[in-house]
Amino acid sequence: MTAMISTAGLRAELAPGNAPPGRPVLLDVRWQLGGPPGRPAYAAGHLPGAVYVDLDSELAAPPGPGGRHPLPDLEVFGAAMRRAGVSHGRPVVIYDGGQGWGAARAWWLLRWTGHERVRVLDGGLAAWDGELTTEVPEPAGGDFTPRPGALPVLDAAAAARLARSGVLLDARAGERYRGEVEPIDPVGGHIPGARSAPTTENVGPDGRLRSAAELAARFAELGAVPGAAVGVYCGSGVSGAHEILALAVAGVDAALYPGSWSEWTADPGRPVARGPEPG
């Protein structure tokens, strides 16, 4: 199963004749860094049958030494997925407002915990031209039990090693990588040896993910090719999940450093590089 689904493909799968288990579970994960909460937007209109999932409380643990969005407690995450109707044998389609970061976080978590049939709606709600509803569904409970380990993860020490022995991509904006500005975390710059690869360059002007060929070419220039040891970090493990998604579409397996820059800079003893070069 591919990692993405088009609006046309989703319309076909939501056709009245397609009943469960073929009909996908829909998750609305609208979230934006520094933006308004997603739940009011969901209440104002969402895809019919979609269940809202809160990134801050259900797809992440509370902020702390492990970063702003540590990996969620598996009991909390599993309960949220079952509440939404997620089961092991049923496909899941996730969307957000269009940025792709929230949807990719949920996609990565489900894949990491063993769900094999998960896709992200290309372009998100912004690309959807079908009907919306304010009706809140009450799906039958799912049977999904998270079993972590299906996708690789990095801790701070492993990320530091990979930056020297393989390819570690920094998915934040270039000016944050270079240390010119840092609006959130206490220190600007990047993990020494990491290469700048802003998540925003994974999508085209229409907000949809670039083609597999375009993404493969982009990542190849950075040394991220099939078979290479590749890792990704961002500010707090959210936009980095979108980079993992884009790499998967390009045919490249990559590990996520969930704590990312917010965890890295929580320890003042960790080294920081600045400027346009990996360092």
Protein backbone atom coordinates (compact mmCIF):
# COMPACT_ATOMS: atom_id res chain seq x y z
CA MET A 1 0.00 0.00 0.00
CA THR A 2 1.32 3.45 -0.90
CA ALA A 3 1.69 6.16 1.73
CA MET A 4 -0.56 8.66 -0.07
CA ILE A 5 -4.07 8.74 -1.50
CA SER A 6 -5.52 11.34 -3.87
CA THR A 7 -8.85 13.07 -3.39
CA ALA A 8 -10.24 11.09 -6.34
CA GLY A 9 -9.00 7.85 -4.82
CA LEU A 10 -10.56 8.67 -1.47
CA ARG A 11 -13.91 9.55 -3.06
CA ALA A 12 -13.92 6.14 -4.73
CA GLU A 13 -13.14 4.36 -1.46
CA LEU A 14 -15.89 6.29 0.33
CA ALA A 15 -18.51 5.33 -2.28
CA PRO A 16 -21.75 4.06 -0.67
CA GLY A 17 -21.20 0.54 -1.97
CA ASN A 18 -17.84 0.21 -0.23
CA ALA A 19 -18.63 -0.95 3.30
CA PRO A 20 -16.23 -1.94 6.07
CA PRO A 21 -13.72 -3.48 6.20
CA GLY A 22 -12.81 -2.04 2.79
CA ARG A 23 -14.10 1.43 3.60
CA PRO A 24 -11.31 3.36 5.33
CA VAL A 25 -11.40 4.87 8.79
CA LEU A 26 -10.98 8.64 8.49
CA LEU A 27 -8.90 10.62 10.98
CA ASP A 28 -8.90 14.43 11.09
CA VAL A 29 -5.62 15.63 12.61
CA ARG A 30 -5.74 19.35 11.96
CA TRP A 31 -2.83 20.98 13.78
CA GLN A 32 -0.46 23.83 13.05
CA LEU A 33 2.56 25.02 14.98
CA GLY A 34 1.54 28.25 16.69
CA GLY A 35 -1.83 28.17 14.95
CA PRO A 36 -5.39 27.90 16.25
CA PRO A 37 -6.59 24.63 17.81
CA GLY A 38 -7.82 22.04 15.35
CA ARG A 39 -10.97 20.96 17.18
CA PRO A 40 -13.00 24.13 16.44
CA ALA A 41 -12.09 23.80 12.77
CA TYR A 42 -13.22 20.18 12.86
CA ALA A 43 -16.51 21.20 14.49
CA ALA A 44 -17.08 23.77 11.74
CA GLY A 45 -16.80 21.15 9.00
CA HIS A 46 -15.04 17.87 8.28
CA LEU A 47 -15.18 14.90 5.95
CA PRO A 48 -18.24 12.75 6.61
CA GLY A 49 -17.32 10.00 9.06
CA ALA A 50 -14.00 11.55 10.10
CA VAL A 51 -13.05 11.43 13.78
CA TYR A 52 -10.96 14.22 15.27
CA VAL A 53 -7.66 13.21 16.89
CA ASP A 54 -5.79 15.75 19.01
CA LEU A 55 -2.08 15.84 18.25
CA ASP A 56 -0.97 17.48 21.49
CA SER A 57 -2.85 15.16 23.86
CA GLU A 58 -3.32 11.90 21.90
CA LEU A 59 -0.37 11.80 19.52
CA ALA A 60 2.20 13.11 21.99
CA ALA A 61 3.07 12.96 25.66
CA PRO A 62 3.25 16.18 27.70
CA PRO A 63 6.27 18.42 26.96
CA GLY A 64 9.34 17.85 29.07
CA PRO A 65 13.02 16.88 28.88
CA GLY A 66 12.13 14.60 25.95
CA GLY A 67 11.00 17.54 23.84
CA ARG A 68 7.82 19.46 23.03
CA HIS A 69 6.07 16.44 21.48
CA PRO A 70 7.51 13.26 22.99
CA LEU A 71 6.13 9.96 21.79
CA PRO A 72 2.71 9.36 23.34
CA ASP A 73 1.92 6.93 26.09
CA LEU A 74 0.94 3.80 24.19
CA GLU A 75 -2.19 3.29 26.28
CA VAL A 76 -3.38 6.82 25.49
CA PHE A 77 -2.54 6.47 21.80
CA GLY A 78 -4.12 3.04 21.50
CA ALA A 79 -7.30 4.18 23.23
CA ALA A 80 -7.57 7.17 20.89
CA MET A 81 -7.17 4.96 17.84
CA ARG A 82 -9.73 2.40 19.04
CA ARG A 83 -12.16 5.21 19.86
CA ALA A 84 -11.81 6.37 16.26
CA GLY A 85 -12.59 2.88 14.97
CA VAL A 86 -9.07 1.89 13.97
CA SER A 87 -8.58 -1.86 13.59
CA HIS A 88 -5.61 -3.87 12.37
CA GLY A 89 -7.29 -5.18 9.23
CA ARG A 90 -9.01 -1.99 8.09
CA PRO A 91 -7.37 0.82 6.06
CA VAL A 92 -6.90 4.24 7.60
CA VAL A 93 -6.79 7.58 5.78
CA ILE A 94 -5.55 10.66 7.63
CA TYR A 95 -5.84 14.30 6.68
CA ASP A 96 -5.14 17.70 8.17
CA GLY A 97 -5.69 21.26 7.00
CA GLY A 98 -3.25 20.90 4.13
CA GLN A 99 0.20 21.44 5.64
CA GLY A 100 0.59 17.70 6.05
CA TRP A 101 2.52 17.73 9.32
CA GLY A 102 -0.26 16.61 11.66
CA ALA A 103 -1.43 13.90 9.28
CA ALA A 104 2.13 12.66 8.84
CA ARG A 105 2.63 12.46 12.62
CA ALA A 106 -0.43 10.18 12.93
CA TRP A 107 0.68 8.19 9.86
CA TRP A 108 4.14 7.65 11.35
CA LEU A 109 2.81 6.65 14.77
CA LEU A 110 0.41 4.10 13.29
CA ARG A 111 3.11 2.67 11.05
CA TRP A 112 5.63 2.63 13.92
CA THR A 113 3.18 0.73 16.11
CA GLY A 114 2.38 -1.92 13.53
CA HIS A 115 -0.54 -0.76 11.36
CA GLU A 116 0.28 -1.60 7.74
CA ARG A 117 -2.59 0.08 5.88
CA VAL A 118 -2.26 3.80 6.53
CA ARG A 119 -2.31 6.63 4.00
CA VAL A 120 -2.31 10.42 4.05
CA LEU A 121 -4.72 12.45 1.92
CA ASP A 122 -2.56 14.33 -0.57
CA GLY A 123 -3.10 18.05 -0.09
CA GLY A 124 -5.28 17.54 2.97
CA LEU A 125 -8.64 19.19 3.47
CA ALA A 126 -7.52 22.11 1.31
CA ALA A 127 -7.53 19.77 -1.71
CA TRP A 128 -10.89 18.14 -0.93
CA ASP A 129 -13.71 19.24 -3.21
CA GLY A 130 -16.41 16.99 -1.80
CA GLU A 131 -19.00 17.58 0.87
CA LEU A 132 -18.26 18.45 4.48
CA THR A 133 -20.40 17.91 7.54
CA THR A 134 -20.67 19.09 11.12
CA GLU A 135 -22.11 15.76 12.27
CA VAL A 136 -19.84 14.01 14.76
CA PRO A 137 -19.74 10.26 14.07
CA GLU A 138 -19.85 7.55 16.71
CA PRO A 139 -17.90 4.70 15.10
CA ALA A 140 -17.83 1.20 16.47
CA GLY A 141 -14.72 0.72 18.58
CA GLY A 142 -11.66 -0.66 16.83
CA ASP A 143 -9.31 -3.41 17.92
CA PHE A 144 -5.96 -1.73 17.25
CA THR A 145 -3.28 -2.50 19.82
CA PRO A 146 -0.05 -0.54 19.29
CA ARG A 147 3.11 -2.62 19.10
CA PRO A 148 6.06 -0.26 18.62
CA GLY A 149 9.13 -1.09 16.59
CA ALA A 150 7.90 -1.42 13.02
CA LEU A 151 9.78 1.76 12.04
CA PRO A 152 13.22 2.80 13.33
CA VAL A 153 13.76 5.59 15.84
CA LEU A 154 16.81 7.47 17.06
CA ASP A 155 17.69 8.90 20.45
CA ALA A 156 20.02 11.88 20.84
CA ALA A 157 23.20 9.78 20.94
CA ALA A 158 22.21 7.76 17.88
CA ALA A 159 21.30 10.94 15.98
CA ALA A 160 24.72 12.41 16.75
CA ARG A 161 26.45 9.26 15.50
CA LEU A 162 24.35 9.08 12.35
CA ALA A 163 25.18 12.69 11.49
CA ARG A 164 28.81 11.53 11.11
CA SER A 165 28.41 7.98 9.83
CA GLY A 166 25.37 8.36 7.55
CA VAL A 167 22.86 11.04 6.60
CA LEU A 168 20.97 13.06 9.20
CA LEU A 169 18.45 15.49 7.71
CA ASP A 170 17.21 18.59 9.53
CA ALA A 171 13.62 19.19 8.41
CA ARG A 172 13.25 22.69 9.91
CA ALA A 173 13.34 25.95 7.98
CA GLY A 174 16.77 26.87 6.66
CA GLU A 175 17.12 29.97 8.82
CA ARG A 176 16.57 27.89 11.95
CA TYR A 177 19.12 25.32 10.77
CA ARG A 178 21.65 28.08 10.18
CA GLY A 179 20.94 29.57 13.61
CA GLU A 180 19.86 32.94 12.23
CA VAL A 181 16.57 32.82 14.13
CA GLU A 182 15.10 30.51 16.75
CA PRO A 183 11.53 31.41 17.70
CA ILE A 184 10.82 28.42 19.94
CA ASP A 185 13.82 26.63 21.38
CA PRO A 186 16.52 28.16 23.62
CA VAL A 187 19.38 27.75 21.13
CA GLY A 188 19.58 28.20 17.35
CA GLY A 189 21.60 26.06 14.98
CA HIS A 190 21.71 22.35 14.20
CA ILE A 191 23.13 19.01 15.26
CA PRO A 192 26.76 18.93 14.04
CA GLY A 193 26.97 17.00 10.78
CA ALA A 194 23.26 17.30 9.95
CA ARG A 195 22.19 18.49 6.51
CA SER A 196 19.47 21.07 5.89
CA ALA A 197 16.36 19.63 4.19
CA PRO A 198 13.32 21.81 4.94
CA THR A 199 10.04 19.89 4.98
CA THR A 200 8.37 22.71 3.06
CA GLU A 201 10.33 21.68 -0.05
CA ASN A 202 8.57 18.30 -0.10
CA VAL A 203 5.41 19.85 -1.53
CA GLY A 204 4.59 21.80 -4.66
CA PRO A 205 2.81 25.15 -4.99
CA ASP A 206 -0.55 23.35 -4.89
CA GLY A 207 0.20 21.90 -1.45
CA ARG A 208 0.42 18.33 -2.75
CA LEU A 209 3.44 16.13 -2.27
CA ARG A 210 5.94 16.28 -5.10
CA SER A 211 6.24 13.24 -7.34
CA ALA A 212 8.30 10.26 -6.30
CA ALA A 213 10.87 11.10 -8.97
CA GLU A 214 11.18 14.71 -7.82
CA LEU A 215 11.54 13.67 -4.20
CA ALA A 216 14.08 10.98 -5.04
CA ALA A 217 16.17 13.53 -6.92
CA ARG A 218 15.93 16.02 -4.08
CA PHE A 219 17.01 13.56 -1.43
CA ALA A 220 19.73 12.03 -3.61
CA GLU A 221 21.45 15.43 -3.71
CA LEU A 222 21.60 15.24 0.07
CA GLY A 223 22.97 11.69 0.07
CA ALA A 224 19.68 10.11 1.13
CA VAL A 225 19.33 7.22 -1.31
CA PRO A 226 17.92 3.69 -1.01
CA GLY A 227 20.19 1.58 1.17
CA ALA A 228 21.84 4.52 2.93
CA ALA A 229 21.58 5.00 6.68
CA VAL A 230 19.22 7.99 6.89
CA GLY A 231 17.66 9.78 9.85
CA VAL A 232 15.47 12.86 10.27
CA TYR A 233 14.82 15.38 13.00
CA CYS A 234 12.95 18.66 13.18
CA GLY A 235 11.82 20.88 16.06
CA SER A 236 9.76 18.35 17.99
CA GLY A 237 9.19 15.28 15.82
CA VAL A 238 6.13 16.52 13.89
CA SER A 239 7.38 18.03 10.63
CA GLY A 240 10.12 15.39 10.69
CA ALA A 241 7.41 12.75 10.28
CA HIS A 242 6.41 14.48 7.04
CA GLU A 243 10.01 14.17 5.86
CA ILE A 244 9.90 10.44 6.67
CA LEU A 245 6.69 10.21 4.63
CA ALA A 246 8.28 11.99 1.68
CA LEU A 247 11.36 9.78 1.90
CA ALA A 248 9.12 6.70 1.90
CA VAL A 249 7.43 7.91 -1.28
CA ALA A 250 10.91 8.37 -2.76
CA GLY A 251 11.81 4.79 -1.83
CA VAL A 252 14.14 5.65 1.05
CA ASP A 253 13.78 4.17 4.53
CA ALA A 254 14.62 6.58 7.33
CA ALA A 255 14.62 6.71 11.12
CA LEU A 256 12.97 9.50 13.09
CA TYR A 257 14.56 11.27 16.06
CA PRO A 258 11.30 12.00 17.93
CA GLY A 259 12.82 14.32 20.55
CA SER A 260 14.44 16.41 17.80
CA TRP A 261 15.85 19.88 18.38
CA SER A 262 13.62 20.59 21.39
CA GLU A 263 15.15 17.62 23.21
CA TRP A 264 18.66 18.19 21.88
CA THR A 265 18.80 21.75 23.21
CA ALA A 266 17.27 20.78 26.57
CA ASP A 267 20.77 19.57 27.49
CA PRO A 268 23.15 22.57 27.37
CA GLY A 269 26.08 20.19 27.16
CA ARG A 270 25.18 18.98 23.66
CA PRO A 271 27.15 20.60 20.82
CA VAL A 272 25.51 23.02 18.38
CA ALA A 273 26.67 23.94 14.86
CA ARG A 274 25.66 27.15 13.08
CA GLY A 275 25.81 28.36 9.51
CA PRO A 276 24.92 26.79 6.17
CA GLU A 277 27.36 23.88 6.37
CA PRO A 278 26.83 20.66 8.35
CA GLY A 279 29.76 21.48 10.61
